[in-house]
Amino acid sequence: MTRVAFQLQIDPALIDEYVARHTPVWPEMLTEIEAAGRRNYSLFLGDGGRLFGYYEVDDDTAAQAYLAASPIAARWEAEMAHFFIGLDGRPDQAATPLAEVFNLHDQLATAAASSESDSS
């Protein structure tokens, strides 16, 4: 499983409309996200329109390809594109990925494995 986090910048003047468009997202778009293999998908809005997203996926390349070929996703992304500043292309394809520097689960598992091998 791969954890993916990304960042986008929403035009501050359009934040309220952006939030309204996600309350709720089209049911057919939700189905496409799920069919692409993305799980635990969340968006977080920070000050000044900073948008952070997170999802988990087994194969992100395949998920991106699935969504890139989806007419439903293309229509959704076309409607969402005007909300973003400094973005070339579809938001779902052009988001800036973030590097993961810490994960509690992974570090606890590593510590437990190390502890087990030390006590053997």
PDB file of N, CA and C in Angstrom:
ATOM      1  N   MET A   1       0.836  -1.176   0.000  1.00  0.00           N
ATOM      2  CA  MET A   1       0.000   0.000   0.000  1.00  0.00           C
ATOM      3  C   MET A   1       0.883   1.243   0.000  1.00  0.00           C
ATOM      4  N   THR A   2       0.502   2.207  -0.795  1.00  0.00           N
ATOM      5  CA  THR A   2       1.213   3.476  -0.887  1.00  0.00           C
ATOM      6  C   THR A   2       0.341   4.576  -0.297  1.00  0.00           C
ATOM      7  N   ARG A   3       0.951   5.434   0.503  1.00  0.00           N
ATOM      8  CA  ARG A   3       0.269   6.612   1.031  1.00  0.00           C
ATOM      9  C   ARG A   3       0.686   7.784   0.145  1.00  0.00           C
ATOM     10  N   VAL A   4      -0.282   8.558  -0.312  1.00  0.00           N
ATOM     11  CA  VAL A   4      -0.008   9.692  -1.191  1.00  0.00           C
ATOM     12  C   VAL A   4      -0.589  10.950  -0.561  1.00  0.00           C
ATOM     13  N   ALA A   5       0.248  11.963  -0.423  1.00  0.00           N
ATOM     14  CA  ALA A   5      -0.204  13.275   0.036  1.00  0.00           C
ATOM     15  C   ALA A   5       0.159  14.286  -1.034  1.00  0.00           C
ATOM     16  N   PHE A   6      -0.662  15.297  -1.186  1.00  0.00           N
ATOM     17  CA  PHE A   6      -0.405  16.307  -2.209  1.00  0.00           C
ATOM     18  C   PHE A   6      -0.890  17.661  -1.735  1.00  0.00           C
ATOM     19  N   GLN A   7      -0.433  18.685  -2.440  1.00  0.00           N
ATOM     20  CA  GLN A   7      -0.800  20.055  -2.109  1.00  0.00           C
ATOM     21  C   GLN A   7      -1.249  20.787  -3.360  1.00  0.00           C
ATOM     22  N   LEU A   8      -2.289  21.592  -3.205  1.00  0.00           N
ATOM     23  CA  LEU A   8      -2.774  22.478  -4.256  1.00  0.00           C
ATOM     24  C   LEU A   8      -3.091  23.825  -3.613  1.00  0.00           C
ATOM     25  N   GLN A   9      -3.199  24.858  -4.443  1.00  0.00           N
ATOM     26  CA  GLN A   9      -3.534  26.190  -3.943  1.00  0.00           C
ATOM     27  C   GLN A   9      -4.855  26.630  -4.554  1.00  0.00           C
ATOM     28  N   ILE A  10      -5.845  26.844  -3.701  1.00  0.00           N
ATOM     29  CA  ILE A  10      -7.150  27.335  -4.156  1.00  0.00           C
ATOM     30  C   ILE A  10      -7.121  28.855  -4.153  1.00  0.00           C
ATOM     31  N   ASP A  11      -7.741  29.440  -5.149  1.00  0.00           N
ATOM     32  CA  ASP A  11      -7.911  30.891  -5.179  1.00  0.00           C
ATOM     33  C   ASP A  11      -8.704  31.288  -3.932  1.00  0.00           C
ATOM     34  N   PRO A  12      -8.135  32.116  -3.048  1.00  0.00           N
ATOM     35  CA  PRO A  12      -8.832  32.476  -1.805  1.00  0.00           C
ATOM     36  C   PRO A  12     -10.235  33.044  -2.016  1.00  0.00           C
ATOM     37  N   ALA A  13     -10.455  33.717  -3.136  1.00  0.00           N
ATOM     38  CA  ALA A  13     -11.780  34.280  -3.409  1.00  0.00           C
ATOM     39  C   ALA A  13     -12.817  33.202  -3.719  1.00  0.00           C
ATOM     40  N   LEU A  14     -12.364  31.970  -3.990  1.00  0.00           N
ATOM     41  CA  LEU A  14     -13.278  30.902  -4.399  1.00  0.00           C
ATOM     42  C   LEU A  14     -13.406  29.785  -3.366  1.00  0.00           C
ATOM     43  N   ILE A  15     -12.865  29.983  -2.179  1.00  0.00           N
ATOM     44  CA  ILE A  15     -12.854  28.918  -1.169  1.00  0.00           C
ATOM     45  C   ILE A  15     -14.266  28.453  -0.822  1.00  0.00           C
ATOM     46  N   ASP A  16     -15.163  29.378  -0.560  1.00  0.00           N
ATOM     47  CA  ASP A  16     -16.522  28.983  -0.169  1.00  0.00           C
ATOM     48  C   ASP A  16     -17.200  28.148  -1.251  1.00  0.00           C
ATOM     49  N   GLU A  17     -17.022  28.548  -2.504  1.00  0.00           N
ATOM     50  CA  GLU A  17     -17.617  27.784  -3.606  1.00  0.00           C
ATOM     51  C   GLU A  17     -16.964  26.411  -3.723  1.00  0.00           C
ATOM     52  N   TYR A  18     -15.639  26.352  -3.545  1.00  0.00           N
ATOM     53  CA  TYR A  18     -14.930  25.074  -3.616  1.00  0.00           C
ATOM     54  C   TYR A  18     -15.465  24.111  -2.553  1.00  0.00           C
ATOM     55  N   VAL A  19     -15.600  24.603  -1.336  1.00  0.00           N
ATOM     56  CA  VAL A  19     -16.114  23.768  -0.247  1.00  0.00           C
ATOM     57  C   VAL A  19     -17.542  23.313  -0.562  1.00  0.00           C
ATOM     58  N   ALA A  20     -18.362  24.218  -1.067  1.00  0.00           N
ATOM     59  CA  ALA A  20     -19.743  23.872  -1.411  1.00  0.00           C
ATOM     60  C   ALA A  20     -19.790  22.782  -2.477  1.00  0.00           C
ATOM     61  N   ARG A  21     -18.881  22.819  -3.444  1.00  0.00           N
ATOM     62  CA  ARG A  21     -18.840  21.816  -4.507  1.00  0.00           C
ATOM     63  C   ARG A  21     -18.468  20.431  -3.974  1.00  0.00           C
ATOM     64  N   HIS A  22     -17.853  20.388  -2.798  1.00  0.00           N
ATOM     65  CA  HIS A  22     -17.454  19.114  -2.208  1.00  0.00           C
ATOM     66  C   HIS A  22     -18.423  18.652  -1.124  1.00  0.00           C
ATOM     67  N   THR A  23     -19.580  19.331  -1.037  1.00  0.00           N
ATOM     68  CA  THR A  23     -20.545  19.015   0.006  1.00  0.00           C
ATOM     69  C   THR A  23     -21.910  18.735  -0.596  1.00  0.00           C
ATOM     70  N   PRO A  24     -22.130  17.617  -1.219  1.00  0.00           N
ATOM     71  CA  PRO A  24     -21.217  16.495  -1.437  1.00  0.00           C
ATOM     72  C   PRO A  24     -20.631  16.501  -2.847  1.00  0.00           C
ATOM     73  N   VAL A  25     -19.643  15.645  -3.048  1.00  0.00           N
ATOM     74  CA  VAL A  25     -19.087  15.367  -4.383  1.00  0.00           C
ATOM     75  C   VAL A  25     -20.119  14.518  -5.131  1.00  0.00           C
ATOM     76  N   TRP A  26     -20.137  14.650  -6.450  1.00  0.00           N
ATOM     77  CA  TRP A  26     -21.064  13.853  -7.260  1.00  0.00           C
ATOM     78  C   TRP A  26     -20.928  12.368  -6.902  1.00  0.00           C
ATOM     79  N   PRO A  27     -22.023  11.656  -6.745  1.00  0.00           N
ATOM     80  CA  PRO A  27     -21.950  10.222  -6.442  1.00  0.00           C
ATOM     81  C   PRO A  27     -21.168   9.431  -7.492  1.00  0.00           C
ATOM     82  N   GLU A  28     -21.329   9.781  -8.768  1.00  0.00           N
ATOM     83  CA  GLU A  28     -20.603   9.051  -9.813  1.00  0.00           C
ATOM     84  C   GLU A  28     -19.091   9.309  -9.751  1.00  0.00           C
ATOM     85  N   MET A  29     -18.682  10.473  -9.251  1.00  0.00           N
ATOM     86  CA  MET A  29     -17.255  10.749  -9.080  1.00  0.00           C
ATOM     87  C   MET A  29     -16.705   9.960  -7.897  1.00  0.00           C
ATOM     88  N   LEU A  30     -17.487   9.866  -6.830  1.00  0.00           N
ATOM     89  CA  LEU A  30     -17.072   9.044  -5.691  1.00  0.00           C
ATOM     90  C   LEU A  30     -16.855   7.594  -6.128  1.00  0.00           C
ATOM     91  N   THR A  31     -17.755   7.110  -6.971  1.00  0.00           N
ATOM     92  CA  THR A  31     -17.637   5.739  -7.481  1.00  0.00           C
ATOM     93  C   THR A  31     -16.366   5.576  -8.311  1.00  0.00           C
ATOM     94  N   GLU A  32     -16.025   6.574  -9.117  1.00  0.00           N
ATOM     95  CA  GLU A  32     -14.816   6.503  -9.941  1.00  0.00           C
ATOM     96  C   GLU A  32     -13.551   6.514  -9.077  1.00  0.00           C
ATOM     97  N   ILE A  33     -13.533   7.343  -8.045  1.00  0.00           N
ATOM     98  CA  ILE A  33     -12.366   7.372  -7.150  1.00  0.00           C
ATOM     99  C   ILE A  33     -12.174   5.999  -6.517  1.00  0.00           C
ATOM    100  N   GLU A  34     -13.261   5.427  -6.047  1.00  0.00           N
ATOM    101  CA  GLU A  34     -13.185   4.098  -5.437  1.00  0.00           C
ATOM    102  C   GLU A  34     -12.762   3.046  -6.461  1.00  0.00           C
ATOM    103  N   ALA A  35     -13.333   3.099  -7.670  1.00  0.00           N
ATOM    104  CA  ALA A  35     -12.987   2.135  -8.717  1.00  0.00           C
ATOM    105  C   ALA A  35     -11.522   2.249  -9.129  1.00  0.00           C
ATOM    106  N   ALA A  36     -10.953   3.441  -9.002  1.00  0.00           N
ATOM    107  CA  ALA A  36      -9.533   3.634  -9.328  1.00  0.00           C
ATOM    108  C   ALA A  36      -8.616   2.972  -8.304  1.00  0.00           C
ATOM    109  N   GLY A  37      -9.172   2.654  -7.142  1.00  0.00           N
ATOM    110  CA  GLY A  37      -8.384   1.992  -6.114  1.00  0.00           C
ATOM    111  C   GLY A  37      -7.908   2.895  -4.994  1.00  0.00           C
ATOM    112  N   ARG A  38      -8.373   4.133  -4.994  1.00  0.00           N
ATOM    113  CA  ARG A  38      -7.975   5.050  -3.918  1.00  0.00           C
ATOM    114  C   ARG A  38      -8.892   4.849  -2.718  1.00  0.00           C
ATOM    115  N   ARG A  39      -8.276   4.833  -1.521  1.00  0.00           N
ATOM    116  CA  ARG A  39      -9.014   4.647  -0.281  1.00  0.00           C
ATOM    117  C   ARG A  39      -8.560   5.688   0.737  1.00  0.00           C
ATOM    118  N   ASN A  40      -9.374   5.852   1.771  1.00  0.00           N
ATOM    119  CA  ASN A  40      -9.041   6.791   2.849  1.00  0.00           C
ATOM    120  C   ASN A  40      -8.656   8.162   2.283  1.00  0.00           C
ATOM    121  N   TYR A  41      -9.420   8.601   1.319  1.00  0.00           N
ATOM    122  CA  TYR A  41      -9.139   9.856   0.616  1.00  0.00           C
ATOM    123  C   TYR A  41      -9.724  11.008   1.419  1.00  0.00           C
ATOM    124  N   SER A  42      -8.891  11.981   1.752  1.00  0.00           N
ATOM    125  CA  SER A  42      -9.330  13.160   2.484  1.00  0.00           C
ATOM    126  C   SER A  42      -8.703  14.408   1.894  1.00  0.00           C
ATOM    127  N   LEU A  43      -9.416  15.516   2.002  1.00  0.00           N
ATOM    128  CA  LEU A  43      -8.890  16.835   1.655  1.00  0.00           C
ATOM    129  C   LEU A  43      -8.951  17.703   2.907  1.00  0.00           C
ATOM    130  N   PHE A  44      -7.913  18.501   3.111  1.00  0.00           N
ATOM    131  CA  PHE A  44      -7.829  19.394   4.258  1.00  0.00           C
ATOM    132  C   PHE A  44      -7.538  20.792   3.749  1.00  0.00           C
ATOM    133  N   LEU A  45      -8.267  21.770   4.253  1.00  0.00           N
ATOM    134  CA  LEU A  45      -8.113  23.149   3.808  1.00  0.00           C
ATOM    135  C   LEU A  45      -7.368  23.946   4.870  1.00  0.00           C
ATOM    136  N   GLY A  46      -6.259  24.574   4.460  1.00  0.00           N
ATOM    137  CA  GLY A  46      -5.469  25.407   5.356  1.00  0.00           C
ATOM    138  C   GLY A  46      -5.704  26.881   5.084  1.00  0.00           C
ATOM    139  N   ASP A  47      -4.997  27.709   5.821  1.00  0.00           N
ATOM    140  CA  ASP A  47      -5.110  29.159   5.666  1.00  0.00           C
ATOM    141  C   ASP A  47      -4.801  29.593   4.242  1.00  0.00           C
ATOM    142  N   GLY A  48      -5.521  30.592   3.784  1.00  0.00           N
ATOM    143  CA  GLY A  48      -5.239  31.203   2.490  1.00  0.00           C
ATOM    144  C   GLY A  48      -5.508  30.325   1.290  1.00  0.00           C
ATOM    145  N   GLY A  49      -6.262  29.238   1.475  1.00  0.00           N
ATOM    146  CA  GLY A  49      -6.591  28.369   0.350  1.00  0.00           C
ATOM    147  C   GLY A  49      -5.617  27.227   0.117  1.00  0.00           C
ATOM    148  N   ARG A  50      -4.708  26.982   1.068  1.00  0.00           N
ATOM    149  CA  ARG A  50      -3.808  25.831   0.923  1.00  0.00           C
ATOM    150  C   ARG A  50      -4.623  24.562   1.111  1.00  0.00           C
ATOM    151  N   LEU A  51      -4.595  23.693   0.112  1.00  0.00           N
ATOM    152  CA  LEU A  51      -5.351  22.452   0.147  1.00  0.00           C
ATOM    153  C   LEU A  51      -4.376  21.287   0.197  1.00  0.00           C
ATOM    154  N   PHE A  52      -4.590  20.423   1.165  1.00  0.00           N
ATOM    155  CA  PHE A  52      -3.770  19.221   1.300  1.00  0.00           C
ATOM    156  C   PHE A  52      -4.677  18.014   1.123  1.00  0.00           C
ATOM    157  N   GLY A  53      -4.199  17.058   0.351  1.00  0.00           N
ATOM    158  CA  GLY A  53      -4.961  15.841   0.140  1.00  0.00           C
ATOM    159  C   GLY A  53      -4.165  14.634   0.560  1.00  0.00           C
ATOM    160  N   TYR A  54      -4.874  13.567   0.897  1.00  0.00           N
ATOM    161  CA  TYR A  54      -4.242  12.315   1.294  1.00  0.00           C
ATOM    162  C   TYR A  54      -5.120  11.159   0.840  1.00  0.00           C
ATOM    163  N   TYR A  55      -4.478  10.113   0.328  1.00  0.00           N
ATOM    164  CA  TYR A  55      -5.184   8.867   0.043  1.00  0.00           C
ATOM    165  C   TYR A  55      -4.198   7.714   0.088  1.00  0.00           C
ATOM    166  N   GLU A  56      -4.750   6.522   0.139  1.00  0.00           N
ATOM    167  CA  GLU A  56      -3.959   5.302   0.101  1.00  0.00           C
ATOM    168  C   GLU A  56      -4.360   4.534  -1.149  1.00  0.00           C
ATOM    169  N   VAL A  57      -3.385   3.838  -1.725  1.00  0.00           N
ATOM    170  CA  VAL A  57      -3.637   3.140  -2.982  1.00  0.00           C
ATOM    171  C   VAL A  57      -2.606   2.019  -3.131  1.00  0.00           C
ATOM    172  N   ASP A  58      -2.974   0.961  -3.827  1.00  0.00           N
ATOM    173  CA  ASP A  58      -2.021  -0.112  -4.080  1.00  0.00           C
ATOM    174  C   ASP A  58      -1.115   0.220  -5.258  1.00  0.00           C
ATOM    175  N   ASP A  59      -1.665   0.852  -6.281  1.00  0.00           N
ATOM    176  CA  ASP A  59      -0.894   1.194  -7.483  1.00  0.00           C
ATOM    177  C   ASP A  59      -1.348   2.576  -7.958  1.00  0.00           C
ATOM    178  N   ASP A  60      -0.602   3.610  -7.563  1.00  0.00           N
ATOM    179  CA  ASP A  60      -1.035   4.969  -7.893  1.00  0.00           C
ATOM    180  C   ASP A  60      -0.929   5.260  -9.380  1.00  0.00           C
ATOM    181  N   THR A  61       0.032   4.663 -10.053  1.00  0.00           N
ATOM    182  CA  THR A  61       0.141   4.860 -11.504  1.00  0.00           C
ATOM    183  C   THR A  61      -1.116   4.345 -12.198  1.00  0.00           C
ATOM    184  N   ALA A  62      -1.573   3.171 -11.800  1.00  0.00           N
ATOM    185  CA  ALA A  62      -2.797   2.609 -12.381  1.00  0.00           C
ATOM    186  C   ALA A  62      -4.017   3.450 -12.008  1.00  0.00           C
ATOM    187  N   ALA A  63      -4.068   3.935 -10.765  1.00  0.00           N
ATOM    188  CA  ALA A  63      -5.194   4.771 -10.331  1.00  0.00           C
ATOM    189  C   ALA A  63      -5.237   6.062 -11.136  1.00  0.00           C
ATOM    190  N   GLN A  64      -4.081   6.685 -11.332  1.00  0.00           N
ATOM    191  CA  GLN A  64      -4.047   7.920 -12.121  1.00  0.00           C
ATOM    192  C   GLN A  64      -4.467   7.659 -13.557  1.00  0.00           C
ATOM    193  N   ALA A  65      -4.003   6.544 -14.128  1.00  0.00           N
ATOM    194  CA  ALA A  65      -4.374   6.207 -15.507  1.00  0.00           C
ATOM    195  C   ALA A  65      -5.878   5.965 -15.621  1.00  0.00           C
ATOM    196  N   TYR A  66      -6.435   5.275 -14.645  1.00  0.00           N
ATOM    197  CA  TYR A  66      -7.877   5.021 -14.642  1.00  0.00           C
ATOM    198  C   TYR A  66      -8.645   6.335 -14.633  1.00  0.00           C
ATOM    199  N   LEU A  67      -8.283   7.226 -13.737  1.00  0.00           N
ATOM    200  CA  LEU A  67      -8.990   8.502 -13.639  1.00  0.00           C
ATOM    201  C   LEU A  67      -8.742   9.388 -14.858  1.00  0.00           C
ATOM    202  N   ALA A  68      -7.544   9.327 -15.421  1.00  0.00           N
ATOM    203  CA  ALA A  68      -7.240  10.115 -16.622  1.00  0.00           C
ATOM    204  C   ALA A  68      -8.107   9.679 -17.804  1.00  0.00           C
ATOM    205  N   ALA A  69      -8.483   8.396 -17.829  1.00  0.00           N
ATOM    206  CA  ALA A  69      -9.302   7.875 -18.924  1.00  0.00           C
ATOM    207  C   ALA A  69     -10.801   7.972 -18.649  1.00  0.00           C
ATOM    208  N   SER A  70     -11.177   8.372 -17.460  1.00  0.00           N
ATOM    209  CA  SER A  70     -12.582   8.405 -17.072  1.00  0.00           C
ATOM    210  C   SER A  70     -13.261   9.684 -17.552  1.00  0.00           C
ATOM    211  N   PRO A  71     -14.333   9.563 -18.339  1.00  0.00           N
ATOM    212  CA  PRO A  71     -15.078  10.755 -18.757  1.00  0.00           C
ATOM    213  C   PRO A  71     -15.703  11.490 -17.564  1.00  0.00           C
ATOM    214  N   ILE A  72     -16.109  10.749 -16.549  1.00  0.00           N
ATOM    215  CA  ILE A  72     -16.689  11.370 -15.357  1.00  0.00           C
ATOM    216  C   ILE A  72     -15.640  12.202 -14.636  1.00  0.00           C
ATOM    217  N   ALA A  73     -14.448  11.621 -14.431  1.00  0.00           N
ATOM    218  CA  ALA A  73     -13.367  12.359 -13.766  1.00  0.00           C
ATOM    219  C   ALA A  73     -12.941  13.559 -14.602  1.00  0.00           C
ATOM    220  N   ALA A  74     -12.892  13.409 -15.914  1.00  0.00           N
ATOM    221  CA  ALA A  74     -12.514  14.529 -16.787  1.00  0.00           C
ATOM    222  C   ALA A  74     -13.505  15.681 -16.647  1.00  0.00           C
ATOM    223  N   ARG A  75     -14.789  15.348 -16.584  1.00  0.00           N
ATOM    224  CA  ARG A  75     -15.818  16.381 -16.429  1.00  0.00           C
ATOM    225  C   ARG A  75     -15.705  17.067 -15.060  1.00  0.00           C
ATOM    226  N   TRP A  76     -15.496  16.272 -14.003  1.00  0.00           N
ATOM    227  CA  TRP A  76     -15.332  16.832 -12.651  1.00  0.00           C
ATOM    228  C   TRP A  76     -14.117  17.747 -12.603  1.00  0.00           C
ATOM    229  N   GLU A  77     -12.988  17.263 -13.105  1.00  0.00           N
ATOM    230  CA  GLU A  77     -11.750  18.040 -13.073  1.00  0.00           C
ATOM    231  C   GLU A  77     -11.870  19.322 -13.906  1.00  0.00           C
ATOM    232  N   ALA A  78     -12.568  19.264 -15.018  1.00  0.00           N
ATOM    233  CA  ALA A  78     -12.770  20.472 -15.832  1.00  0.00           C
ATOM    234  C   ALA A  78     -13.566  21.510 -15.041  1.00  0.00           C
ATOM    235  N   GLU A  79     -14.544  21.052 -14.282  1.00  0.00           N
ATOM    236  CA  GLU A  79     -15.331  21.981 -13.471  1.00  0.00           C
ATOM    237  C   GLU A  79     -14.552  22.514 -12.270  1.00  0.00           C
ATOM    238  N   MET A  80     -13.569  21.755 -11.793  1.00  0.00           N
ATOM    239  CA  MET A  80     -12.787  22.154 -10.619  1.00  0.00           C
ATOM    240  C   MET A  80     -11.556  22.995 -10.981  1.00  0.00           C
ATOM    241  N   ALA A  81     -11.093  22.920 -12.199  1.00  0.00           N
ATOM    242  CA  ALA A  81      -9.811  23.530 -12.582  1.00  0.00           C
ATOM    243  C   ALA A  81      -9.733  25.024 -12.269  1.00  0.00           C
ATOM    244  N   HIS A  82     -10.824  25.754 -12.432  1.00  0.00           N
ATOM    245  CA  HIS A  82     -10.760  27.207 -12.235  1.00  0.00           C
ATOM    246  C   HIS A  82     -10.551  27.612 -10.772  1.00  0.00           C
ATOM    247  N   PHE A  83     -10.688  26.683  -9.854  1.00  0.00           N
ATOM    248  CA  PHE A  83     -10.496  27.000  -8.430  1.00  0.00           C
ATOM    249  C   PHE A  83      -9.018  27.135  -8.049  1.00  0.00           C
ATOM    250  N   PHE A  84      -8.133  26.575  -8.869  1.00  0.00           N
ATOM    251  CA  PHE A  84      -6.735  26.449  -8.474  1.00  0.00           C
ATOM    252  C   PHE A  84      -5.836  27.498  -9.107  1.00  0.00           C
ATOM    253  N   ILE A  85      -4.826  27.901  -8.337  1.00  0.00           N
ATOM    254  CA  ILE A  85      -3.822  28.868  -8.788  1.00  0.00           C
ATOM    255  C   ILE A  85      -2.552  28.109  -9.148  1.00  0.00           C
ATOM    256  N   GLY A  86      -1.937  28.501 -10.263  1.00  0.00           N
ATOM    257  CA  GLY A  86      -0.633  27.956 -10.636  1.00  0.00           C
ATOM    258  C   GLY A  86      -0.650  26.482 -10.981  1.00  0.00           C
ATOM    259  N   LEU A  87      -1.697  26.037 -11.606  1.00  0.00           N
ATOM    260  CA  LEU A  87      -1.815  24.618 -11.918  1.00  0.00           C
ATOM    261  C   LEU A  87      -1.871  24.422 -13.421  1.00  0.00           C
ATOM    262  N   ASP A  88      -0.990  23.593 -13.931  1.00  0.00           N
ATOM    263  CA  ASP A  88      -1.008  23.234 -15.350  1.00  0.00           C
ATOM    264  C   ASP A  88      -1.605  21.846 -15.486  1.00  0.00           C
ATOM    265  N   GLY A  89      -2.747  21.746 -16.121  1.00  0.00           N
ATOM    266  CA  GLY A  89      -3.374  20.452 -16.314  1.00  0.00           C
ATOM    267  C   GLY A  89      -4.482  20.203 -15.321  1.00  0.00           C
ATOM    268  N   ARG A  90      -4.983  18.974 -15.348  1.00  0.00           N
ATOM    269  CA  ARG A  90      -6.070  18.568 -14.467  1.00  0.00           C
ATOM    270  C   ARG A  90      -5.579  18.487 -13.024  1.00  0.00           C
ATOM    271  N   PRO A  91      -6.358  18.989 -12.084  1.00  0.00           N
ATOM    272  CA  PRO A  91      -5.926  18.958 -10.682  1.00  0.00           C
ATOM    273  C   PRO A  91      -5.537  17.572 -10.181  1.00  0.00           C
ATOM    274  N   ASP A  92      -6.272  16.536 -10.601  1.00  0.00           N
ATOM    275  CA  ASP A  92      -5.954  15.196 -10.104  1.00  0.00           C
ATOM    276  C   ASP A  92      -4.662  14.643 -10.693  1.00  0.00           C
ATOM    277  N   GLN A  93      -4.181  15.238 -11.764  1.00  0.00           N
ATOM    278  CA  GLN A  93      -2.961  14.761 -12.411  1.00  0.00           C
ATOM    279  C   GLN A  93      -1.765  15.674 -12.147  1.00  0.00           C
ATOM    280  N   ALA A  94      -2.016  16.920 -11.770  1.00  0.00           N
ATOM    281  CA  ALA A  94      -0.935  17.906 -11.672  1.00  0.00           C
ATOM    282  C   ALA A  94      -0.648  18.376 -10.252  1.00  0.00           C
ATOM    283  N   ALA A  95      -1.244  17.750  -9.256  1.00  0.00           N
ATOM    284  CA  ALA A  95      -1.016  18.149  -7.867  1.00  0.00           C
ATOM    285  C   ALA A  95       0.433  17.898  -7.471  1.00  0.00           C
ATOM    286  N   THR A  96       0.953  18.765  -6.619  1.00  0.00           N
ATOM    287  CA  THR A  96       2.323  18.625  -6.135  1.00  0.00           C
ATOM    288  C   THR A  96       2.372  17.550  -5.047  1.00  0.00           C
ATOM    289  N   PRO A  97       3.079  16.438  -5.295  1.00  0.00           N
ATOM    290  CA  PRO A  97       3.159  15.412  -4.256  1.00  0.00           C
ATOM    291  C   PRO A  97       4.051  15.868  -3.106  1.00  0.00           C
ATOM    292  N   LEU A  98       3.743  15.394  -1.914  1.00  0.00           N
ATOM    293  CA  LEU A  98       4.517  15.709  -0.722  1.00  0.00           C
ATOM    294  C   LEU A  98       5.304  14.477  -0.298  1.00  0.00           C
ATOM    295  N   ALA A  99       6.523  14.678   0.184  1.00  0.00           N
ATOM    296  CA  ALA A  99       7.360  13.569   0.648  1.00  0.00           C
ATOM    297  C   ALA A  99       6.959  13.207   2.075  1.00  0.00           C
ATOM    298  N   GLU A 100       6.746  11.934   2.313  1.00  0.00           N
ATOM    299  CA  GLU A 100       6.426  11.474   3.658  1.00  0.00           C
ATOM    300  C   GLU A 100       7.715  11.391   4.474  1.00  0.00           C
ATOM    301  N   VAL A 101       7.725  12.021   5.627  1.00  0.00           N
ATOM    302  CA  VAL A 101       8.923  12.010   6.477  1.00  0.00           C
ATOM    303  C   VAL A 101       8.698  11.264   7.788  1.00  0.00           C
ATOM    304  N   PHE A 102       7.458  10.954   8.121  1.00  0.00           N
ATOM    305  CA  PHE A 102       7.174  10.230   9.353  1.00  0.00           C
ATOM    306  C   PHE A 102       5.855   9.499   9.204  1.00  0.00           C
ATOM    307  N   ASN A 103       5.824   8.246   9.688  1.00  0.00           N
ATOM    308  CA  ASN A 103       4.589   7.487   9.769  1.00  0.00           C
ATOM    309  C   ASN A 103       4.642   6.665  11.044  1.00  0.00           C
ATOM    310  N   LEU A 104       3.720   6.916  11.929  1.00  0.00           N
ATOM    311  CA  LEU A 104       3.699   6.266  13.238  1.00  0.00           C
ATOM    312  C   LEU A 104       3.644   4.751  13.114  1.00  0.00           C
ATOM    313  N   HIS A 105       2.742   4.241  12.307  1.00  0.00           N
ATOM    314  CA  HIS A 105       2.585   2.795  12.161  1.00  0.00           C
ATOM    315  C   HIS A 105       3.896   2.141  11.715  1.00  0.00           C
ATOM    316  N   ASP A 106       4.527   2.699  10.688  1.00  0.00           N
ATOM    317  CA  ASP A 106       5.779   2.126  10.184  1.00  0.00           C
ATOM    318  C   ASP A 106       6.877   2.152  11.240  1.00  0.00           C
ATOM    319  N   GLN A 107       7.001   3.263  11.960  1.00  0.00           N
ATOM    320  CA  GLN A 107       8.065   3.360  12.951  1.00  0.00           C
ATOM    321  C   GLN A 107       7.806   2.454  14.146  1.00  0.00           C
ATOM    322  N   LEU A 108       6.558   2.317  14.554  1.00  0.00           N
ATOM    323  CA  LEU A 108       6.246   1.388  15.639  1.00  0.00           C
ATOM    324  C   LEU A 108       6.561  -0.049  15.223  1.00  0.00           C
ATOM    325  N   ALA A 109       6.224  -0.402  13.974  1.00  0.00           N
ATOM    326  CA  ALA A 109       6.513  -1.753  13.483  1.00  0.00           C
ATOM    327  C   ALA A 109       8.019  -2.002  13.433  1.00  0.00           C
ATOM    328  N   THR A 110       8.782  -1.014  12.992  1.00  0.00           N
ATOM    329  CA  THR A 110      10.240  -1.142  12.944  1.00  0.00           C
ATOM    330  C   THR A 110      10.821  -1.280  14.348  1.00  0.00           C
ATOM    331  N   ALA A 111      10.321  -0.469  15.279  1.00  0.00           N
ATOM    332  CA  ALA A 111      10.801  -0.524  16.658  1.00  0.00           C
ATOM    333  C   ALA A 111      10.474  -1.877  17.298  1.00  0.00           C
ATOM    334  N   ALA A 112       9.272  -2.384  17.031  1.00  0.00           N
ATOM    335  CA  ALA A 112       8.867  -3.677  17.587  1.00  0.00           C
ATOM    336  C   ALA A 112       9.735  -4.798  17.025  1.00  0.00           C
ATOM    337  N   ALA A 113       9.997  -4.755  15.724  1.00  0.00           N
ATOM    338  CA  ALA A 113      10.837  -5.777  15.104  1.00  0.00           C
ATOM    339  C   ALA A 113      12.253  -5.705  15.656  1.00  0.00           C
ATOM    340  N   SER A 114      12.753  -4.520  15.847  1.00  0.00           N
ATOM    341  CA  SER A 114      14.102  -4.333  16.402  1.00  0.00           C
ATOM    342  C   SER A 114      14.154  -4.838  17.838  1.00  0.00           C
ATOM    343  N   SER A 115      13.133  -4.555  18.611  1.00  0.00           N
ATOM    344  CA  SER A 115      13.065  -4.983  20.002  1.00  0.00           C
ATOM    345  C   SER A 115      13.022  -6.498  20.093  1.00  0.00           C
ATOM    346  N   GLU A 116      12.247  -7.136  19.200  1.00  0.00           N
ATOM    347  CA  GLU A 116      12.163  -8.589  19.173  1.00  0.00           C
ATOM    348  C   GLU A 116      13.497  -9.231  18.839  1.00  0.00           C
ATOM    349  N   SER A 117      14.210  -8.650  17.865  1.00  0.00           N
ATOM    350  CA  SER A 117      15.517  -9.221  17.476  1.00  0.00           C
ATOM    351  C   SER A 117      16.574  -8.971  18.539  1.00  0.00           C
ATOM    352  N   ASP A 118      16.463  -7.866  19.289  1.00  0.00           N
ATOM    353  CA  ASP A 118      17.403  -7.574  20.379  1.00  0.00           C
ATOM    354  C   ASP A 118      17.210  -8.536  21.545  1.00  0.00           C
ATOM    355  N   SER A 119      15.961  -8.977  21.775  1.00  0.00           N
ATOM    356  CA  SER A 119      15.690  -9.858  22.917  1.00  0.00           C
ATOM    357  C   SER A 119      15.904 -11.324  22.571  1.00  0.00           C
ATOM    358  N   SER A 120      16.208 -11.632  21.335  1.00  0.00           N
ATOM    359  CA  SER A 120      16.413 -13.028  20.921  1.00  0.00           C
ATOM    360  C   SER A 120      17.815 -13.486  21.172  1.00  0.00           C
TER     361      SER A 120
END
